[in-house]
Amino acid sequence: MSNKISRREFIKKSAIGIVVGGTVLSSLDITELAAKSKFGKIFRNGNDIVVNLKDTKNSALANVGGCVYLDDDNILIRTSLTQFAAVNLICTHKGCTVEVNGNKFVCPCHGSEYALDGKVTEGPAKKDLKTYNAVYNPTNETVTVKMGDKN
């Protein structure tokens, strides 16, 4: 018995797949899914990242302690009404990605802990997380993260 299907059967099954797949995709609200993303809305200005605090994708930054991910490896956290911390999330011990856990970062691989400013509070890591200068402009309601300025 042959496993081959006729051209007509292939086209018929493909058309059914396209209709079903299109129906499923059309039922998703892509705008709502994007709005729930952990990533903030940013734009680049050379090496710098500019975050507009008025953009709804960055609304978590309206509150002290709020944060948005700038990309897979970096996060911006509001630490006071006028101060922000930009921190690289790669653990300095073995290179795992640390996670936000309340008011600290915790490495899921070996348990290192860091304060929100990137300073080691508990080993085995010995070096602080990389941080970047974050410049708040209250007039424009933006934060510029100087990605070329590692601390």
Foldseek 3Di string as FASTA:
>chain_A
DDPDDDPVVVVVVVVVVVVVVVVVVVVDDVVVVVLPDLAADWDDDDQKIKHACPDSSNVQQCDQQGKGAPDPFWIWGRNDNFDIKIFGQQAPPPGAGWDDDPQWTFGPPPTWIAGPNQHTPGDPGDDGTKIFDWHADVVRRMIMTNNVGID
